[in-house]
Amino acid sequence: MSIEAAIVALKQGEIVGVPTDTLYGLAADPFRQDALEMVFTLKGRPAVKPMAILVASIEAAMQIGELSDRALELADDHWPGPLTLVIPRLATTPEWLGHTGRRTIGIRCPDHPVALELLERSGPLAVTSANITGQSPALNDEEAQALFGDAVSVYLEGEAPGGRASTIIDLTEESPLILREGPV
């Protein structure tokens, strides 16, 4: 399927499969709460576990999160790449995004040409690994399609060469805290 078909599906609140540099992902429009709920339901994922927001650039990240000097330094050094930064979300960012109690959001810029092209054209997307919660994640569109079938509207072709989830660093505390170890 094409990027154009994926953008149409996302605008309609549907779920799209997308390869990233880490794992194959399920993407939804983060500004549509109903679309995010569909992803949580499809995966059997607890709604208290926020999804990361993928962006095409540092500038796009600054539209939804508050990047400190340290966050900007890490983003500059590791984006695009497998590093998710947990930062305060902006007051203008929908309250259902990120951790609602802490008012934080995890943001990442992936290093994958298909994901970046989609993000450049669609804007930020909520993305999570393509798997049923607790099971091994899909690494390509064929594995994801075998798992989710027609529940996902569009599967963009591609492999996830990293094969491992991103590193997550929480930058909202005095000292950075690694929430998930990964490639960085």
C-alpha atoms as a PDB file:
ATOM      1  CA  MET A   1       0.000   0.000   0.000  1.00  0.00           C
ATOM      2  CA  SER A   2       1.037   3.586  -0.453  1.00  0.00           C
ATOM      3  CA  ILE A   3       1.808   6.489   1.861  1.00  0.00           C
ATOM      4  CA  GLU A   4      -1.232   8.271   0.378  1.00  0.00           C
ATOM      5  CA  ALA A   5      -3.524   5.391   1.362  1.00  0.00           C
ATOM      6  CA  ALA A   6      -2.026   5.429   4.864  1.00  0.00           C
ATOM      7  CA  ILE A   7      -2.664   9.162   5.267  1.00  0.00           C
ATOM      8  CA  VAL A   8      -6.290   8.788   4.143  1.00  0.00           C
ATOM      9  CA  ALA A   9      -6.781   5.917   6.629  1.00  0.00           C
ATOM     10  CA  LEU A  10      -5.188   7.900   9.479  1.00  0.00           C
ATOM     11  CA  LYS A  11      -7.421  10.921   8.792  1.00  0.00           C
ATOM     12  CA  GLN A  12     -10.429   8.589   9.003  1.00  0.00           C
ATOM     13  CA  GLY A  13      -9.311   7.411  12.461  1.00  0.00           C
ATOM     14  CA  GLU A  14      -8.061   4.037  11.251  1.00  0.00           C
ATOM     15  CA  ILE A  15      -4.953   2.085  12.251  1.00  0.00           C
ATOM     16  CA  VAL A  16      -1.952   1.869   9.917  1.00  0.00           C
ATOM     17  CA  GLY A  17       1.023  -0.514  10.036  1.00  0.00           C
ATOM     18  CA  VAL A  18       4.417   1.150   9.583  1.00  0.00           C
ATOM     19  CA  PRO A  19       8.005  -0.118   9.647  1.00  0.00           C
ATOM     20  CA  THR A  20      10.375   1.740  11.965  1.00  0.00           C
ATOM     21  CA  ASP A  21      14.052   1.411  12.788  1.00  0.00           C
ATOM     22  CA  THR A  22      13.234  -0.611  15.921  1.00  0.00           C
ATOM     23  CA  LEU A  23      10.074  -2.718  15.441  1.00  0.00           C
ATOM     24  CA  TYR A  24       7.157  -2.803  13.023  1.00  0.00           C
ATOM     25  CA  GLY A  25       4.491  -0.530  14.489  1.00  0.00           C
ATOM     26  CA  LEU A  26       0.817   0.229  14.655  1.00  0.00           C
ATOM     27  CA  ALA A  27       0.154   3.930  14.078  1.00  0.00           C
ATOM     28  CA  ALA A  28      -2.853   6.132  14.782  1.00  0.00           C
ATOM     29  CA  ASP A  29      -3.663   9.828  14.713  1.00  0.00           C
ATOM     30  CA  PRO A  30      -2.759  10.991  18.243  1.00  0.00           C
ATOM     31  CA  PHE A  31      -5.258  13.845  18.051  1.00  0.00           C
ATOM     32  CA  ARG A  32      -8.148  11.374  17.705  1.00  0.00           C
ATOM     33  CA  GLN A  33      -8.854   9.754  21.044  1.00  0.00           C
ATOM     34  CA  ASP A  34     -11.112   7.167  19.361  1.00  0.00           C
ATOM     35  CA  ALA A  35      -8.239   6.027  17.120  1.00  0.00           C
ATOM     36  CA  LEU A  36      -5.938   5.535  20.109  1.00  0.00           C
ATOM     37  CA  GLU A  37      -8.618   3.544  21.920  1.00  0.00           C
ATOM     38  CA  MET A  38      -8.857   1.254  18.871  1.00  0.00           C
ATOM     39  CA  VAL A  39      -5.118   0.527  19.102  1.00  0.00           C
ATOM     40  CA  PHE A  40      -5.324  -0.222  22.830  1.00  0.00           C
ATOM     41  CA  THR A  41      -8.254  -2.575  22.225  1.00  0.00           C
ATOM     42  CA  LEU A  42      -6.608  -4.294  19.252  1.00  0.00           C
ATOM     43  CA  LYS A  43      -3.423  -4.994  21.196  1.00  0.00           C
ATOM     44  CA  GLY A  44      -5.092  -5.754  24.519  1.00  0.00           C
ATOM     45  CA  ARG A  45      -2.837  -3.016  25.920  1.00  0.00           C
ATOM     46  CA  PRO A  46      -3.697  -1.384  29.257  1.00  0.00           C
ATOM     47  CA  ALA A  47      -4.848   2.206  28.669  1.00  0.00           C
ATOM     48  CA  VAL A  48      -2.581   3.339  31.526  1.00  0.00           C
ATOM     49  CA  LYS A  49       0.499   2.467  29.431  1.00  0.00           C
ATOM     50  CA  PRO A  50       0.956   5.488  27.137  1.00  0.00           C
ATOM     51  CA  MET A  51       2.000   5.177  23.499  1.00  0.00           C
ATOM     52  CA  ALA A  52       5.037   6.998  22.182  1.00  0.00           C
ATOM     53  CA  ILE A  53       4.528   9.795  19.694  1.00  0.00           C
ATOM     54  CA  LEU A  54       6.743   9.563  16.620  1.00  0.00           C
ATOM     55  CA  VAL A  55       7.766  12.749  14.847  1.00  0.00           C
ATOM     56  CA  ALA A  56       9.732  13.628  11.720  1.00  0.00           C
ATOM     57  CA  SER A  57      11.978  16.216  13.400  1.00  0.00           C
ATOM     58  CA  ILE A  58      12.971  18.060  16.558  1.00  0.00           C
ATOM     59  CA  GLU A  59      10.804  20.953  15.370  1.00  0.00           C
ATOM     60  CA  ALA A  60       7.776  18.664  15.204  1.00  0.00           C
ATOM     61  CA  ALA A  61       8.543  17.390  18.720  1.00  0.00           C
ATOM     62  CA  MET A  62       8.570  20.963  20.000  1.00  0.00           C
ATOM     63  CA  GLN A  63       4.937  21.337  18.871  1.00  0.00           C
ATOM     64  CA  ILE A  64       3.746  18.779  21.463  1.00  0.00           C
ATOM     65  CA  GLY A  65       6.433  18.574  24.152  1.00  0.00           C
ATOM     66  CA  GLU A  66       8.672  20.839  26.185  1.00  0.00           C
ATOM     67  CA  LEU A  67      12.266  20.031  25.246  1.00  0.00           C
ATOM     68  CA  SER A  68      14.810  21.131  27.826  1.00  0.00           C
ATOM     69  CA  ASP A  69      18.408  21.870  26.860  1.00  0.00           C
ATOM     70  CA  ARG A  70      19.289  18.277  27.845  1.00  0.00           C
ATOM     71  CA  ALA A  71      16.433  16.887  25.743  1.00  0.00           C
ATOM     72  CA  LEU A  72      17.506  18.980  22.753  1.00  0.00           C
ATOM     73  CA  GLU A  73      21.085  17.759  23.157  1.00  0.00           C
ATOM     74  CA  LEU A  74      20.000  14.107  23.276  1.00  0.00           C
ATOM     75  CA  ALA A  75      17.627  14.554  20.337  1.00  0.00           C
ATOM     76  CA  ASP A  76      20.340  16.257  18.327  1.00  0.00           C
ATOM     77  CA  ASP A  77      22.778  13.408  19.107  1.00  0.00           C
ATOM     78  CA  HIS A  78      20.391  10.444  18.667  1.00  0.00           C
ATOM     79  CA  TRP A  79      17.558  11.445  16.318  1.00  0.00           C
ATOM     80  CA  PRO A  80      16.632  10.048  14.008  1.00  0.00           C
ATOM     81  CA  GLY A  81      17.213   6.896  16.016  1.00  0.00           C
ATOM     82  CA  PRO A  82      16.033   4.477  18.692  1.00  0.00           C
ATOM     83  CA  LEU A  83      15.769   6.912  21.626  1.00  0.00           C
ATOM     84  CA  THR A  84      12.429   7.894  23.169  1.00  0.00           C
ATOM     85  CA  LEU A  85      12.510  10.984  25.377  1.00  0.00           C
ATOM     86  CA  VAL A  86       9.897  11.391  28.115  1.00  0.00           C
ATOM     87  CA  ILE A  87       9.346  15.123  28.563  1.00  0.00           C
ATOM     88  CA  PRO A  88       6.596  17.430  29.846  1.00  0.00           C
ATOM     89  CA  ARG A  89       3.788  17.754  27.333  1.00  0.00           C
ATOM     90  CA  LEU A  90       2.682  21.197  26.274  1.00  0.00           C
ATOM     91  CA  ALA A  91      -0.560  22.619  27.696  1.00  0.00           C
ATOM     92  CA  THR A  92      -1.917  22.647  24.123  1.00  0.00           C
ATOM     93  CA  THR A  93      -1.279  18.897  23.685  1.00  0.00           C
ATOM     94  CA  PRO A  94      -4.431  16.783  24.198  1.00  0.00           C
ATOM     95  CA  GLU A  95      -4.687  15.495  27.757  1.00  0.00           C
ATOM     96  CA  TRP A  96      -5.200  11.889  26.614  1.00  0.00           C
ATOM     97  CA  LEU A  97      -1.679  11.773  25.156  1.00  0.00           C
ATOM     98  CA  GLY A  98       1.149  10.489  27.276  1.00  0.00           C
ATOM     99  CA  HIS A  99       0.901   9.948  31.020  1.00  0.00           C
ATOM    100  CA  THR A 100      -2.228  11.784  32.121  1.00  0.00           C
ATOM    101  CA  GLY A 101      -1.302  12.023  35.805  1.00  0.00           C
ATOM    102  CA  ARG A 102       2.273  13.205  35.270  1.00  0.00           C
ATOM    103  CA  ARG A 103       1.451  15.312  32.166  1.00  0.00           C
ATOM    104  CA  THR A 104       4.422  13.816  30.316  1.00  0.00           C
ATOM    105  CA  ILE A 105       4.801  12.471  26.808  1.00  0.00           C
ATOM    106  CA  GLY A 106       7.281  10.097  25.154  1.00  0.00           C
ATOM    107  CA  ILE A 107       8.556  11.352  21.800  1.00  0.00           C
ATOM    108  CA  ARG A 108      10.882   9.771  19.241  1.00  0.00           C
ATOM    109  CA  CYS A 109      12.099  10.439  15.710  1.00  0.00           C
ATOM    110  CA  PRO A 110      12.644   7.063  13.967  1.00  0.00           C
ATOM    111  CA  ASP A 111      15.498   6.368  11.567  1.00  0.00           C
ATOM    112  CA  HIS A 112      13.528   4.586   8.840  1.00  0.00           C
ATOM    113  CA  PRO A 113      12.797   6.093   5.404  1.00  0.00           C
ATOM    114  CA  VAL A 114       9.195   4.831   5.194  1.00  0.00           C
ATOM    115  CA  ALA A 115       8.323   5.998   8.717  1.00  0.00           C
ATOM    116  CA  LEU A 116       9.954   9.378   8.149  1.00  0.00           C
ATOM    117  CA  GLU A 117       8.145   9.921   4.843  1.00  0.00           C
ATOM    118  CA  LEU A 118       4.823   9.100   6.495  1.00  0.00           C
ATOM    119  CA  LEU A 119       5.556  11.384   9.472  1.00  0.00           C
ATOM    120  CA  GLU A 120       6.655  14.262   7.245  1.00  0.00           C
ATOM    121  CA  ARG A 121       3.337  14.084   5.426  1.00  0.00           C
ATOM    122  CA  SER A 122       0.989  13.145   8.280  1.00  0.00           C
ATOM    123  CA  GLY A 123       2.467  14.979  11.237  1.00  0.00           C
ATOM    124  CA  PRO A 124       3.048  13.275  14.611  1.00  0.00           C
ATOM    125  CA  LEU A 125       1.642   9.778  15.086  1.00  0.00           C
ATOM    126  CA  ALA A 126       1.000   7.617  18.127  1.00  0.00           C
ATOM    127  CA  VAL A 127       2.899   4.383  17.465  1.00  0.00           C
ATOM    128  CA  THR A 128       3.298   1.145  19.397  1.00  0.00           C
ATOM    129  CA  SER A 129       4.808  -2.207  18.479  1.00  0.00           C
ATOM    130  CA  ALA A 130       2.679  -4.472  16.293  1.00  0.00           C
ATOM    131  CA  ASN A 131       1.910  -7.301  18.685  1.00  0.00           C
ATOM    132  CA  ILE A 132      -0.642  -8.535  21.165  1.00  0.00           C
ATOM    133  CA  THR A 133       0.495  -7.238  24.558  1.00  0.00           C
ATOM    134  CA  GLY A 134       2.938  -9.693  26.107  1.00  0.00           C
ATOM    135  CA  GLN A 135       3.773 -11.439  22.824  1.00  0.00           C
ATOM    136  CA  SER A 136       6.729 -10.999  20.480  1.00  0.00           C
ATOM    137  CA  PRO A 137       6.482  -7.948  18.202  1.00  0.00           C
ATOM    138  CA  ALA A 138       6.227  -8.130  14.419  1.00  0.00           C
ATOM    139  CA  LEU A 139       9.356  -7.142  12.512  1.00  0.00           C
ATOM    140  CA  ASN A 140       7.754  -6.572   9.100  1.00  0.00           C
ATOM    141  CA  ASP A 141       4.458  -5.929   7.356  1.00  0.00           C
ATOM    142  CA  GLU A 142       3.821  -9.613   6.601  1.00  0.00           C
ATOM    143  CA  GLU A 143       4.131 -10.641  10.258  1.00  0.00           C
ATOM    144  CA  ALA A 144       1.881  -7.763  11.335  1.00  0.00           C
ATOM    145  CA  GLN A 145      -0.726  -8.599   8.702  1.00  0.00           C
ATOM    146  CA  ALA A 146      -0.734 -12.262   9.753  1.00  0.00           C
ATOM    147  CA  LEU A 147      -1.409 -11.111  13.314  1.00  0.00           C
ATOM    148  CA  PHE A 148      -3.984  -8.348  12.783  1.00  0.00           C
ATOM    149  CA  GLY A 149      -5.485  -8.947   9.322  1.00  0.00           C
ATOM    150  CA  ASP A 150      -8.184  -6.460   8.301  1.00  0.00           C
ATOM    151  CA  ALA A 151      -8.235  -4.760  11.734  1.00  0.00           C
ATOM    152  CA  VAL A 152      -5.376  -2.625  10.380  1.00  0.00           C
ATOM    153  CA  SER A 153      -6.459  -0.630   7.331  1.00  0.00           C
ATOM    154  CA  VAL A 154      -3.094  -0.172   5.602  1.00  0.00           C
ATOM    155  CA  TYR A 155       0.207  -2.011   5.997  1.00  0.00           C
ATOM    156  CA  LEU A 156       3.179  -0.086   4.647  1.00  0.00           C
ATOM    157  CA  GLU A 157       5.790  -2.479   3.305  1.00  0.00           C
ATOM    158  CA  GLY A 158       9.072  -2.797   5.071  1.00  0.00           C
ATOM    159  CA  GLU A 159      11.288  -4.384   7.662  1.00  0.00           C
ATOM    160  CA  ALA A 160      12.250  -3.161  11.116  1.00  0.00           C
ATOM    161  CA  PRO A 161      16.023  -3.700  11.003  1.00  0.00           C
ATOM    162  CA  GLY A 162      16.646  -2.992  14.704  1.00  0.00           C
ATOM    163  CA  GLY A 163      14.496  -5.848  15.979  1.00  0.00           C
ATOM    164  CA  ARG A 164      14.471  -4.296  19.443  1.00  0.00           C
ATOM    165  CA  ALA A 165      12.390  -1.627  21.196  1.00  0.00           C
ATOM    166  CA  SER A 166      13.825   1.859  21.664  1.00  0.00           C
ATOM    167  CA  THR A 167      15.625   3.094  24.748  1.00  0.00           C
ATOM    168  CA  ILE A 168      13.315   5.247  26.882  1.00  0.00           C
ATOM    169  CA  ILE A 169      14.783   8.012  29.046  1.00  0.00           C
ATOM    170  CA  ASP A 170      12.649  10.088  31.426  1.00  0.00           C
ATOM    171  CA  LEU A 171      13.980  13.645  31.471  1.00  0.00           C
ATOM    172  CA  THR A 172      11.301  15.057  33.782  1.00  0.00           C
ATOM    173  CA  GLU A 173      13.226  14.343  37.002  1.00  0.00           C
ATOM    174  CA  GLU A 174      16.356  16.011  38.330  1.00  0.00           C
ATOM    175  CA  SER A 175      18.483  13.138  37.018  1.00  0.00           C
ATOM    176  CA  PRO A 176      17.658  11.336  33.765  1.00  0.00           C
ATOM    177  CA  LEU A 177      16.087   7.937  34.425  1.00  0.00           C
ATOM    178  CA  ILE A 178      16.276   5.008  31.999  1.00  0.00           C
ATOM    179  CA  LEU A 179      12.796   3.505  31.846  1.00  0.00           C
ATOM    180  CA  ARG A 180      13.654   0.869  29.227  1.00  0.00           C
ATOM    181  CA  GLU A 181      17.078  -0.221  28.090  1.00  0.00           C
ATOM    182  CA  GLY A 182      17.476  -0.465  24.356  1.00  0.00           C
ATOM    183  CA  PRO A 183      19.943   0.195  21.534  1.00  0.00           C
ATOM    184  CA  VAL A 184      21.119   3.627  22.802  1.00  0.00           C
END
